Amino acid sequence: MELLRSFGIEGKVLLWQIINFGLLFAVLWYFLYKPVKKIMAEREGKISESLNKAAELEKKSQALEKDVKARMAQQRKELEDMHAKSLEQQDKIRKELKARAEEEAHKIVEEARSIIAQEKQNMFVALESEVKQLAALLAEKILEKEVDEKVQKKLMEEALATLKKKKQK
């Protein structure tokens, strides 16, 4: 104790200071440390809960992102399929139109050939009729006039000229 007195510390005062410190410690422990510890535990729980929610939301967002990517891939595939189908349909329609056009062209050509053949036949019939008339006319004129070869040649040329005029009409 004397050693403590040499430093200026008294035993009674030290004892009361230790008791005061213990009381202060007990009061602070009860009124301050426990509530602060409780607040810290609550805060730690909230942080833990927030972290769990964040992890959950991250998982959900990853699942949604995966779902969106899958849907986009599916829609892209559907669009590609639709595009391929439309190209096939376009090619089919093009082929059908080409076949129809060729068929129509063949019909027109056949019709034209038929018309040409008919016109040719009609022309031959008309020409034959005109030749018969011309021959009859020529024979009649020859018989009416018994003429020499120059006159006969002239009559033939006139008949041919008449025939050409009729053809041009």
C-alpha atoms as a PDB file:
ATOM      1  CA  MET A   1       0.000   0.000   0.000  1.00  0.00           C
ATOM      2  CA  GLU A   2       2.768   2.308   0.679  1.00  0.00           C
ATOM      3  CA  LEU A   3       3.947   1.879  -2.768  1.00  0.00           C
ATOM      4  CA  LEU A   4       0.571   3.105  -3.992  1.00  0.00           C
ATOM      5  CA  ARG A   5       0.737   6.079  -1.630  1.00  0.00           C
ATOM      6  CA  SER A   6       4.118   7.008  -2.971  1.00  0.00           C
ATOM      7  CA  PHE A   7       2.465   7.432  -6.315  1.00  0.00           C
ATOM      8  CA  GLY A   8      -0.348   9.446  -4.752  1.00  0.00           C
ATOM      9  CA  ILE A   9      -2.991   6.737  -4.842  1.00  0.00           C
ATOM     10  CA  GLU A  10      -5.106   6.070  -1.794  1.00  0.00           C
ATOM     11  CA  GLY A  11      -6.606   2.619  -1.206  1.00  0.00           C
ATOM     12  CA  LYS A  12     -10.115   3.782  -0.295  1.00  0.00           C
ATOM     13  CA  VAL A  13     -10.320   6.040  -3.289  1.00  0.00           C
ATOM     14  CA  LEU A  14      -8.998   3.236  -5.488  1.00  0.00           C
ATOM     15  CA  LEU A  15     -11.590   0.846  -4.079  1.00  0.00           C
ATOM     16  CA  TRP A  16     -14.359   3.333  -4.707  1.00  0.00           C
ATOM     17  CA  GLN A  17     -13.078   3.962  -8.182  1.00  0.00           C
ATOM     18  CA  ILE A  18     -13.058   0.211  -8.880  1.00  0.00           C
ATOM     19  CA  ILE A  19     -16.629  -0.057  -7.544  1.00  0.00           C
ATOM     20  CA  ASN A  20     -17.667   2.985  -9.587  1.00  0.00           C
ATOM     21  CA  PHE A  21     -16.017   1.494 -12.651  1.00  0.00           C
ATOM     22  CA  GLY A  22     -17.804  -1.837 -12.071  1.00  0.00           C
ATOM     23  CA  LEU A  23     -21.141  -0.064 -11.614  1.00  0.00           C
ATOM     24  CA  LEU A  24     -20.508   2.078 -14.662  1.00  0.00           C
ATOM     25  CA  PHE A  25     -19.535  -1.050 -16.596  1.00  0.00           C
ATOM     26  CA  ALA A  26     -22.696  -2.884 -15.420  1.00  0.00           C
ATOM     27  CA  VAL A  27     -24.920   0.094 -16.267  1.00  0.00           C
ATOM     28  CA  LEU A  28     -23.282   0.577 -19.633  1.00  0.00           C
ATOM     29  CA  TRP A  29     -23.470  -3.181 -20.244  1.00  0.00           C
ATOM     30  CA  TYR A  30     -27.138  -3.304 -19.416  1.00  0.00           C
ATOM     31  CA  PHE A  31     -28.293  -0.040 -20.975  1.00  0.00           C
ATOM     32  CA  LEU A  32     -25.873   0.403 -23.835  1.00  0.00           C
ATOM     33  CA  TYR A  33     -24.095  -2.802 -24.878  1.00  0.00           C
ATOM     34  CA  LYS A  34     -27.181  -5.050 -24.969  1.00  0.00           C
ATOM     35  CA  PRO A  35     -29.308  -2.629 -27.073  1.00  0.00           C
ATOM     36  CA  VAL A  36     -26.385  -1.896 -29.375  1.00  0.00           C
ATOM     37  CA  LYS A  37     -25.716  -5.632 -29.683  1.00  0.00           C
ATOM     38  CA  LYS A  38     -29.428  -6.203 -30.382  1.00  0.00           C
ATOM     39  CA  ILE A  39     -29.455  -3.416 -33.017  1.00  0.00           C
ATOM     40  CA  MET A  40     -26.301  -4.842 -34.577  1.00  0.00           C
ATOM     41  CA  ALA A  41     -27.848  -8.332 -34.658  1.00  0.00           C
ATOM     42  CA  GLU A  42     -31.013  -6.940 -36.264  1.00  0.00           C
ATOM     43  CA  ARG A  43     -28.945  -5.021 -38.758  1.00  0.00           C
ATOM     44  CA  GLU A  44     -26.858  -8.096 -39.471  1.00  0.00           C
ATOM     45  CA  GLY A  45     -30.097 -10.050 -39.994  1.00  0.00           C
ATOM     46  CA  LYS A  46     -31.427  -7.399 -42.368  1.00  0.00           C
ATOM     47  CA  ILE A  47     -28.153  -7.374 -44.287  1.00  0.00           C
ATOM     48  CA  SER A  48     -28.188 -11.162 -44.445  1.00  0.00           C
ATOM     49  CA  GLU A  49     -31.826 -11.088 -45.567  1.00  0.00           C
ATOM     50  CA  SER A  50     -31.024  -8.436 -48.179  1.00  0.00           C
ATOM     51  CA  LEU A  51     -28.104 -10.518 -49.435  1.00  0.00           C
ATOM     52  CA  ASN A  52     -30.360 -13.565 -49.640  1.00  0.00           C
ATOM     53  CA  LYS A  53     -32.998 -11.567 -51.513  1.00  0.00           C
ATOM     54  CA  ALA A  54     -30.326 -10.179 -53.831  1.00  0.00           C
ATOM     55  CA  ALA A  55     -29.045 -13.702 -54.508  1.00  0.00           C
ATOM     56  CA  GLU A  56     -32.623 -14.845 -55.106  1.00  0.00           C
ATOM     57  CA  LEU A  57     -33.272 -11.918 -57.434  1.00  0.00           C
ATOM     58  CA  GLU A  58     -30.008 -12.666 -59.246  1.00  0.00           C
ATOM     59  CA  LYS A  59     -31.128 -16.266 -59.746  1.00  0.00           C
ATOM     60  CA  LYS A  60     -34.538 -15.082 -60.973  1.00  0.00           C
ATOM     61  CA  SER A  61     -32.975 -12.551 -63.331  1.00  0.00           C
ATOM     62  CA  GLN A  62     -30.640 -15.226 -64.691  1.00  0.00           C
ATOM     63  CA  ALA A  63     -33.606 -17.566 -65.149  1.00  0.00           C
ATOM     64  CA  LEU A  64     -35.575 -14.789 -66.860  1.00  0.00           C
ATOM     65  CA  GLU A  65     -32.602 -13.934 -69.048  1.00  0.00           C
ATOM     66  CA  LYS A  66     -32.254 -17.596 -69.967  1.00  0.00           C
ATOM     67  CA  ASP A  67     -35.993 -17.779 -70.697  1.00  0.00           C
ATOM     68  CA  VAL A  68     -35.863 -14.612 -72.805  1.00  0.00           C
ATOM     69  CA  LYS A  69     -32.890 -15.952 -74.752  1.00  0.00           C
ATOM     70  CA  ALA A  70     -34.717 -19.251 -75.302  1.00  0.00           C
ATOM     71  CA  ARG A  71     -37.841 -17.426 -76.483  1.00  0.00           C
ATOM     72  CA  MET A  72     -35.791 -15.203 -78.775  1.00  0.00           C
ATOM     73  CA  ALA A  73     -34.037 -18.247 -80.216  1.00  0.00           C
ATOM     74  CA  GLN A  74     -37.403 -19.942 -80.722  1.00  0.00           C
ATOM     75  CA  GLN A  75     -38.871 -16.850 -82.377  1.00  0.00           C
ATOM     76  CA  ARG A  76     -35.768 -16.497 -84.551  1.00  0.00           C
ATOM     77  CA  LYS A  77     -36.158 -20.136 -85.599  1.00  0.00           C
ATOM     78  CA  GLU A  78     -39.862 -19.589 -86.311  1.00  0.00           C
ATOM     79  CA  LEU A  79     -39.025 -16.511 -88.393  1.00  0.00           C
ATOM     80  CA  GLU A  80     -36.385 -18.441 -90.300  1.00  0.00           C
ATOM     81  CA  ASP A  81     -38.895 -21.251 -90.904  1.00  0.00           C
ATOM     82  CA  MET A  82     -41.506 -18.736 -92.066  1.00  0.00           C
ATOM     83  CA  HIS A  83     -38.932 -17.119 -94.352  1.00  0.00           C
ATOM     84  CA  ALA A  84     -37.957 -20.493 -95.803  1.00  0.00           C
ATOM     85  CA  LYS A  85     -41.632 -21.391 -96.316  1.00  0.00           C
ATOM     86  CA  SER A  86     -42.318 -18.062 -97.999  1.00  0.00           C
ATOM     87  CA  LEU A  87     -39.322 -18.589-100.292  1.00  0.00           C
ATOM     88  CA  GLU A  88     -40.579 -22.079-101.143  1.00  0.00           C
ATOM     89  CA  GLN A  89     -44.071 -20.734-101.763  1.00  0.00           C
ATOM     90  CA  GLN A  90     -42.671 -17.908-103.878  1.00  0.00           C
ATOM     91  CA  ASP A  91     -40.646 -20.404-105.914  1.00  0.00           C
ATOM     92  CA  LYS A  92     -43.715 -22.630-106.306  1.00  0.00           C
ATOM     93  CA  ILE A  93     -45.848 -19.687-107.458  1.00  0.00           C
ATOM     94  CA  ARG A  94     -43.098 -18.593-109.850  1.00  0.00           C
ATOM     95  CA  LYS A  95     -42.950 -22.096-111.344  1.00  0.00           C
ATOM     96  CA  GLU A  96     -46.753 -22.251-111.626  1.00  0.00           C
ATOM     97  CA  LEU A  97     -46.868 -18.867-113.341  1.00  0.00           C
ATOM     98  CA  LYS A  98     -44.075 -19.889-115.689  1.00  0.00           C
ATOM     99  CA  ALA A  99     -45.882 -23.142-116.520  1.00  0.00           C
ATOM    100  CA  ARG A 100     -49.137 -21.249-117.109  1.00  0.00           C
ATOM    101  CA  ALA A 101     -47.364 -18.708-119.305  1.00  0.00           C
ATOM    102  CA  GLU A 102     -45.702 -21.466-121.321  1.00  0.00           C
ATOM    103  CA  GLU A 103     -49.023 -23.281-121.655  1.00  0.00           C
ATOM    104  CA  GLU A 104     -50.730 -20.055-122.706  1.00  0.00           C
ATOM    105  CA  ALA A 105     -47.943 -19.366-125.204  1.00  0.00           C
ATOM    106  CA  HIS A 106     -48.312 -22.878-126.634  1.00  0.00           C
ATOM    107  CA  LYS A 107     -52.073 -22.359-126.932  1.00  0.00           C
ATOM    108  CA  ILE A 108     -51.551 -19.030-128.681  1.00  0.00           C
ATOM    109  CA  VAL A 109     -48.957 -20.551-131.029  1.00  0.00           C
ATOM    110  CA  GLU A 110     -51.234 -23.498-131.816  1.00  0.00           C
ATOM    111  CA  GLU A 111     -54.166 -21.141-132.327  1.00  0.00           C
ATOM    112  CA  ALA A 112     -52.056 -18.965-134.629  1.00  0.00           C
ATOM    113  CA  ARG A 113     -50.905 -22.034-136.540  1.00  0.00           C
ATOM    114  CA  SER A 114     -54.498 -23.177-136.862  1.00  0.00           C
ATOM    115  CA  ILE A 115     -55.575 -19.728-138.066  1.00  0.00           C
ATOM    116  CA  ILE A 116     -52.648 -19.593-140.500  1.00  0.00           C
ATOM    117  CA  ALA A 117     -53.491 -23.066-141.815  1.00  0.00           C
ATOM    118  CA  GLN A 118     -57.147 -22.058-142.199  1.00  0.00           C
ATOM    119  CA  GLU A 119     -56.179 -18.811-143.947  1.00  0.00           C
ATOM    120  CA  LYS A 120     -53.785 -20.739-146.167  1.00  0.00           C
ATOM    121  CA  GLN A 121     -56.538 -23.197-147.031  1.00  0.00           C
ATOM    122  CA  ASN A 122     -58.964 -20.336-147.703  1.00  0.00           C
ATOM    123  CA  MET A 123     -56.335 -18.595-149.828  1.00  0.00           C
ATOM    124  CA  PHE A 124     -55.737 -21.741-151.873  1.00  0.00           C
ATOM    125  CA  VAL A 125     -59.484 -22.191-152.360  1.00  0.00           C
ATOM    126  CA  ALA A 126     -59.853 -18.536-153.391  1.00  0.00           C
ATOM    127  CA  LEU A 127     -56.765 -18.728-155.586  1.00  0.00           C
ATOM    128  CA  GLU A 128     -57.998 -21.911-157.203  1.00  0.00           C
ATOM    129  CA  SER A 129     -61.342 -20.262-157.862  1.00  0.00           C
ATOM    130  CA  GLU A 130     -59.644 -17.189-159.325  1.00  0.00           C
ATOM    131  CA  VAL A 131     -57.329 -19.331-161.447  1.00  0.00           C
ATOM    132  CA  LYS A 132     -60.343 -21.240-162.769  1.00  0.00           C
ATOM    133  CA  GLN A 133     -62.121 -17.984-163.526  1.00  0.00           C
ATOM    134  CA  LEU A 134     -59.007 -16.596-165.135  1.00  0.00           C
ATOM    135  CA  ALA A 135     -58.489 -19.738-167.187  1.00  0.00           C
ATOM    136  CA  ALA A 136     -62.119 -19.665-168.251  1.00  0.00           C
ATOM    137  CA  LEU A 137     -61.845 -15.970-169.105  1.00  0.00           C
ATOM    138  CA  LEU A 138     -58.621 -16.561-170.966  1.00  0.00           C
ATOM    139  CA  ALA A 139     -60.070 -19.496-172.876  1.00  0.00           C
ATOM    140  CA  GLU A 140     -63.147 -17.461-173.698  1.00  0.00           C
ATOM    141  CA  LYS A 141     -61.087 -14.565-174.975  1.00  0.00           C
ATOM    142  CA  ILE A 142     -58.839 -16.853-176.935  1.00  0.00           C
ATOM    143  CA  LEU A 143     -61.780 -18.575-178.486  1.00  0.00           C
ATOM    144  CA  GLU A 144     -63.501 -15.285-179.257  1.00  0.00           C
ATOM    145  CA  LYS A 145     -60.512 -13.960-180.976  1.00  0.00           C
ATOM    146  CA  GLU A 146     -58.344 -16.218-182.724  1.00  0.00           C
ATOM    147  CA  VAL A 147     -55.290 -14.241-182.294  1.00  0.00           C
ATOM    148  CA  ASP A 148     -51.665 -14.642-182.768  1.00  0.00           C
ATOM    149  CA  GLU A 149     -49.114 -15.332-180.063  1.00  0.00           C
ATOM    150  CA  LYS A 150     -48.409 -11.666-179.296  1.00  0.00           C
ATOM    151  CA  VAL A 151     -52.036 -11.024-178.503  1.00  0.00           C
ATOM    152  CA  GLN A 152     -52.201 -14.211-176.473  1.00  0.00           C
ATOM    153  CA  LYS A 153     -49.122 -13.173-174.508  1.00  0.00           C
ATOM    154  CA  LYS A 154     -50.652  -9.755-173.884  1.00  0.00           C
ATOM    155  CA  LEU A 155     -53.885 -11.336-172.690  1.00  0.00           C
ATOM    156  CA  MET A 156     -51.952 -13.567-170.270  1.00  0.00           C
ATOM    157  CA  GLU A 157     -50.125 -10.558-168.850  1.00  0.00           C
ATOM    158  CA  GLU A 158     -53.420  -8.700-168.412  1.00  0.00           C
ATOM    159  CA  ALA A 159     -54.910 -11.703-166.671  1.00  0.00           C
ATOM    160  CA  LEU A 160     -51.911 -11.959-164.326  1.00  0.00           C
ATOM    161  CA  ALA A 161     -52.106  -8.225-163.583  1.00  0.00           C
ATOM    162  CA  THR A 162     -55.803  -8.613-162.794  1.00  0.00           C
ATOM    163  CA  LEU A 163     -54.987 -11.552-160.536  1.00  0.00           C
ATOM    164  CA  LYS A 164     -52.303  -9.552-158.722  1.00  0.00           C
ATOM    165  CA  LYS A 165     -54.733  -6.678-158.162  1.00  0.00           C
ATOM    166  CA  LYS A 166     -57.291  -9.060-156.695  1.00  0.00           C
ATOM    167  CA  LYS A 167     -54.642 -10.575-154.428  1.00  0.00           C
ATOM    168  CA  GLN A 168     -53.658  -7.151-153.143  1.00  0.00           C
ATOM    169  CA  LYS A 169     -57.234  -6.334-152.255  1.00  0.00           C
END
